[in-house]
Amino acid sequence: MPTRAPQQRRRRRPTASGVLLSKELITETALRLIGEHGPEALSVRRLGAALGCDPSALYRYFRNTDDLLLAIADRIIGDAMAGFVPGPDWVASLREMAMRVRAGYLAHPRAAAMASYRVTRRENEFRAVETGVGLLLSAGFAPARAVRLYLAFIDTVLSHAALDAACQALPREQREADEQAWTEAYQALDPAAYPALTSVREELRSMADSSFEEAVDLLLVALAARAPGHAET
């Protein structure tokens, strides 16, 4: 009688499609399915079909779909922060960190809304928080202050990045209609009813653009002004 293969070896047998399952492959496939079909694609049934395996096999790698969602969120963080090395200027480094987060979300706009408000408690998030808090400590902030200011910074960055990603994820017709509102509907407002908007009518066209960088820069100016040793001018 043949002996049973060790459990780990059994888990690494190829699926019906000839692939070897792993946490990385499952996460990558889930991210692709969400990008193609939206958040509703995050199910073991769809994943099993895409990977050519029995859906129950996925529970060897993730406890449930929420566990997988946290892995997806951490994967986005990891991709965004890959290769990032903070420089001597803590403000510039935080700004680059913010731009990377936004780029990561725009690369996966349909997954961003699901991921932005979760705490992944995984390695990529640990490293990102370590980096952000470390930058604020290097600026001279006391530990408690550094933690709270990092929270304000990253919450602003994540929420604004998720907003931009959600706009990008809209169907093209809806996105274009929203953008055209600033060049059409707002341009046709009654001056008597909307004198302030009429006075800035041409400038309103820029409302179709993201304000992410302006918001980040305002926050960073405020952080720099509160740094120990900052000279008031």
Protein backbone atom coordinates (compact mmCIF):
# COMPACT_ATOMS: atom_id res chain seq x y z
CA MET A 1 0.00 0.00 0.00
CA PRO A 2 1.47 3.41 -0.94
CA THR A 3 2.21 5.73 1.93
CA ARG A 4 0.44 9.08 2.19
CA ALA A 5 2.47 12.11 1.15
CA PRO A 6 3.33 14.63 3.87
CA GLN A 7 0.72 17.37 4.24
CA GLN A 8 3.00 20.12 2.91
CA ARG A 9 3.83 18.06 -0.15
CA ARG A 10 0.17 17.37 -0.83
CA ARG A 11 -0.55 21.08 -0.73
CA ARG A 12 2.02 21.75 -3.40
CA ARG A 13 0.59 19.36 -5.95
CA PRO A 14 -0.39 21.04 -9.23
CA THR A 15 -4.02 22.00 -9.69
CA ALA A 16 -6.09 20.79 -12.61
CA SER A 17 -4.70 23.72 -14.61
CA GLY A 18 -1.13 22.68 -13.83
CA VAL A 19 -0.23 25.46 -11.40
CA LEU A 20 1.15 25.19 -7.89
CA LEU A 21 -0.93 27.04 -5.33
CA SER A 22 0.70 29.54 -3.00
CA LYS A 23 -0.38 32.55 -0.99
CA GLU A 24 1.30 34.81 -3.53
CA LEU A 25 -0.45 33.23 -6.52
CA ILE A 26 -3.86 33.30 -4.85
CA THR A 27 -3.40 36.95 -3.86
CA GLU A 28 -2.27 37.90 -7.36
CA THR A 29 -5.22 36.08 -8.93
CA ALA A 30 -7.71 37.67 -6.53
CA LEU A 31 -6.30 41.12 -7.29
CA ARG A 32 -6.67 40.45 -11.02
CA LEU A 33 -10.25 39.22 -10.66
CA ILE A 34 -11.23 42.28 -8.62
CA GLY A 35 -9.67 44.49 -11.28
CA GLU A 36 -11.65 42.74 -14.00
CA HIS A 37 -14.98 42.18 -12.28
CA GLY A 38 -15.10 44.35 -9.17
CA PRO A 39 -15.17 43.55 -5.44
CA GLU A 40 -17.87 40.90 -5.90
CA ALA A 41 -15.24 38.73 -7.60
CA LEU A 42 -13.61 38.07 -4.21
CA SER A 43 -15.14 34.65 -3.58
CA VAL A 44 -13.63 31.21 -3.19
CA ARG A 45 -15.83 29.92 -6.00
CA ARG A 46 -14.50 32.39 -8.54
CA LEU A 47 -10.96 32.00 -7.31
CA GLY A 48 -11.16 28.24 -7.52
CA ALA A 49 -12.43 28.46 -11.09
CA ALA A 50 -9.67 30.91 -12.07
CA LEU A 51 -6.96 28.77 -10.49
CA GLY A 52 -8.34 25.46 -11.68
CA CYS A 53 -8.66 24.03 -8.19
CA ASP A 54 -11.32 22.98 -5.74
CA PRO A 55 -12.41 26.13 -3.83
CA SER A 56 -11.83 24.32 -0.54
CA ALA A 57 -8.11 24.16 -1.34
CA LEU A 58 -7.88 27.93 -0.79
CA TYR A 59 -8.62 27.48 2.91
CA ARG A 60 -5.22 25.84 3.29
CA TYR A 61 -3.69 29.26 2.66
CA PHE A 62 -6.30 31.73 3.97
CA ARG A 63 -8.79 31.34 6.81
CA ASN A 64 -11.54 33.12 4.88
CA THR A 65 -12.09 35.81 2.26
CA ASP A 66 -11.43 38.55 4.82
CA ASP A 67 -8.02 37.06 5.51
CA LEU A 68 -7.40 37.12 1.76
CA LEU A 69 -8.60 40.73 1.54
CA LEU A 70 -6.02 41.73 4.13
CA ALA A 71 -3.34 40.00 2.07
CA ILE A 72 -4.50 41.93 -0.99
CA ALA A 73 -4.33 45.21 0.93
CA ASP A 74 -0.84 44.36 2.13
CA ARG A 75 0.23 43.43 -1.41
CA ILE A 76 -0.83 46.88 -2.64
CA ILE A 77 1.21 48.50 0.13
CA GLY A 78 4.20 46.35 -0.73
CA ASP A 79 4.04 47.22 -4.42
CA ALA A 80 3.70 50.92 -3.62
CA MET A 81 6.63 51.00 -1.22
CA ALA A 82 8.97 48.71 -3.18
CA GLY A 83 12.40 50.29 -3.47
CA PHE A 84 11.53 53.31 -1.34
CA VAL A 85 14.48 54.56 0.70
CA PRO A 86 13.78 57.66 2.83
CA GLY A 87 16.21 60.52 2.31
CA PRO A 88 17.61 63.02 4.79
CA ASP A 89 14.68 65.42 4.28
CA TRP A 90 11.82 63.95 6.31
CA VAL A 91 9.21 66.18 4.69
CA ALA A 92 10.29 65.23 1.16
CA SER A 93 10.36 61.58 2.19
CA LEU A 94 6.82 61.70 3.56
CA ARG A 95 5.71 63.38 0.34
CA GLU A 96 7.23 60.63 -1.77
CA MET A 97 5.58 58.08 0.47
CA ALA A 98 2.21 59.75 -0.13
CA MET A 99 2.71 59.80 -3.90
CA ARG A 100 3.61 56.12 -3.85
CA VAL A 101 0.46 55.23 -1.91
CA ARG A 102 -1.69 57.06 -4.45
CA ALA A 103 0.08 55.40 -7.36
CA GLY A 104 -0.46 52.01 -5.74
CA TYR A 105 -4.18 52.64 -5.38
CA LEU A 106 -4.55 53.97 -8.90
CA ALA A 107 -2.87 50.80 -10.16
CA HIS A 108 -5.67 48.78 -8.52
CA PRO A 109 -8.61 51.19 -8.33
CA ARG A 110 -11.33 48.58 -7.82
CA ALA A 111 -9.48 47.01 -4.91
CA ALA A 112 -8.46 50.31 -3.32
CA ALA A 113 -11.82 51.07 -1.73
CA MET A 114 -11.81 47.64 -0.08
CA ALA A 115 -8.27 48.01 1.21
CA SER A 116 -7.90 51.63 2.30
CA TYR A 117 -9.51 51.38 5.73
CA ARG A 118 -8.21 47.97 6.82
CA VAL A 119 -5.29 47.19 9.13
CA THR A 120 -3.44 44.34 7.44
CA ARG A 121 -1.14 43.41 10.37
CA ARG A 122 1.29 42.04 7.82
CA GLU A 123 4.89 42.67 6.88
CA ASN A 124 4.44 45.36 4.21
CA GLU A 125 2.19 47.42 6.47
CA PHE A 126 4.60 46.98 9.39
CA ARG A 127 7.45 48.34 7.27
CA ALA A 128 5.37 51.26 5.98
CA VAL A 129 4.30 52.31 9.49
CA GLU A 130 7.87 51.85 10.72
CA THR A 131 9.06 54.16 7.96
CA GLY A 132 6.44 56.85 8.52
CA VAL A 133 6.73 56.94 12.30
CA GLY A 134 10.51 56.80 12.01
CA LEU A 135 10.53 59.87 9.78
CA LEU A 136 8.51 61.86 12.30
CA LEU A 137 10.73 60.70 15.15
CA SER A 138 13.75 61.85 13.12
CA ALA A 139 12.09 65.28 12.89
CA GLY A 140 12.24 65.50 16.68
CA PHE A 141 8.64 64.78 17.59
CA ALA A 142 8.05 63.00 20.88
CA PRO A 143 6.88 59.37 20.52
CA ALA A 144 3.22 59.98 21.33
CA ARG A 145 3.12 63.03 19.07
CA ALA A 146 4.89 61.20 16.24
CA VAL A 147 2.33 58.39 16.35
CA ARG A 148 -0.69 60.69 16.31
CA LEU A 149 0.74 62.87 13.55
CA TYR A 150 1.56 59.82 11.46
CA LEU A 151 -2.05 58.68 11.89
CA ALA A 152 -3.31 62.06 10.68
CA PHE A 153 -0.89 61.94 7.75
CA ILE A 154 -1.64 58.41 6.59
CA ASP A 155 -5.41 58.70 7.10
CA THR A 156 -5.44 61.81 4.91
CA VAL A 157 -3.28 60.13 2.28
CA LEU A 158 -5.25 56.87 2.23
CA SER A 159 -8.67 58.50 2.14
CA HIS A 160 -7.74 60.93 -0.63
CA ALA A 161 -5.96 58.21 -2.62
CA ALA A 162 -9.01 55.95 -2.26
CA LEU A 163 -11.22 58.81 -3.47
CA ASP A 164 -9.09 59.24 -6.60
CA ALA A 165 -9.09 55.49 -7.17
CA ALA A 166 -12.87 55.30 -6.78
CA CYS A 167 -13.27 58.02 -9.41
CA GLN A 168 -10.98 56.13 -11.75
CA ALA A 169 -12.95 52.93 -11.17
CA LEU A 170 -16.23 54.52 -12.30
CA PRO A 171 -17.61 53.41 -15.66
CA ARG A 172 -16.22 55.68 -18.36
CA GLU A 173 -19.59 57.33 -19.09
CA GLN A 174 -20.14 58.26 -15.45
CA ARG A 175 -16.60 59.51 -15.00
CA GLU A 176 -16.80 61.70 -18.09
CA ALA A 177 -20.20 63.06 -17.03
CA ASP A 178 -18.81 64.07 -13.64
CA GLU A 179 -15.82 65.76 -15.27
CA GLN A 180 -17.98 67.58 -17.79
CA ALA A 181 -20.16 69.01 -15.02
CA TRP A 182 -17.42 71.55 -14.29
CA THR A 183 -17.16 72.65 -17.92
CA GLU A 184 -20.89 72.59 -18.68
CA ALA A 185 -23.39 72.59 -15.80
CA TYR A 186 -21.35 74.88 -13.56
CA GLN A 187 -20.65 77.23 -16.44
CA ALA A 188 -24.38 77.74 -17.01
CA LEU A 189 -25.36 78.73 -13.46
CA ASP A 190 -27.47 81.85 -12.92
CA PRO A 191 -25.11 84.67 -11.80
CA ALA A 192 -27.81 86.17 -9.59
CA ALA A 193 -28.26 82.93 -7.66
CA TYR A 194 -24.57 81.93 -7.58
CA PRO A 195 -22.45 85.10 -7.62
CA ALA A 196 -19.37 83.49 -6.02
CA LEU A 197 -19.33 80.60 -8.48
CA THR A 198 -19.90 82.99 -11.37
CA SER A 199 -16.88 85.05 -10.33
CA VAL A 200 -14.64 81.97 -10.54
CA ARG A 201 -16.41 80.30 -13.44
CA GLU A 202 -13.30 79.69 -15.53
CA GLU A 203 -11.30 78.46 -12.56
CA LEU A 204 -13.97 75.87 -11.78
CA ARG A 205 -12.79 73.85 -14.77
CA SER A 206 -9.83 72.71 -12.66
CA MET A 207 -12.25 71.01 -10.23
CA ALA A 208 -12.18 68.01 -12.57
CA ASP A 209 -8.56 67.44 -11.55
CA SER A 210 -7.39 65.69 -8.40
CA SER A 211 -6.38 67.88 -5.46
CA PHE A 212 -4.27 65.10 -3.94
CA GLU A 213 -0.92 66.85 -4.22
CA GLU A 214 -2.27 70.16 -2.91
CA ALA A 215 -3.85 68.41 0.08
CA VAL A 216 -0.65 66.52 0.88
CA ASP A 217 1.46 69.66 0.58
CA LEU A 218 -0.86 71.59 2.91
CA LEU A 219 -0.60 68.80 5.47
CA LEU A 220 3.17 68.63 5.18
CA VAL A 221 3.51 72.39 5.63
CA ALA A 222 1.44 72.08 8.81
CA LEU A 223 3.59 69.18 10.05
CA ALA A 224 6.82 71.05 9.32
CA ALA A 225 5.53 74.10 11.18
CA ARG A 226 4.95 71.95 14.27
CA ALA A 227 8.32 70.24 14.22
CA PRO A 228 10.57 70.92 17.22
CA GLY A 229 13.07 73.63 16.39
CA HIS A 230 11.01 75.06 13.53
CA ALA A 231 11.79 78.74 13.14
CA GLU A 232 8.76 80.97 12.81
CA THR A 233 8.96 83.52 10.01
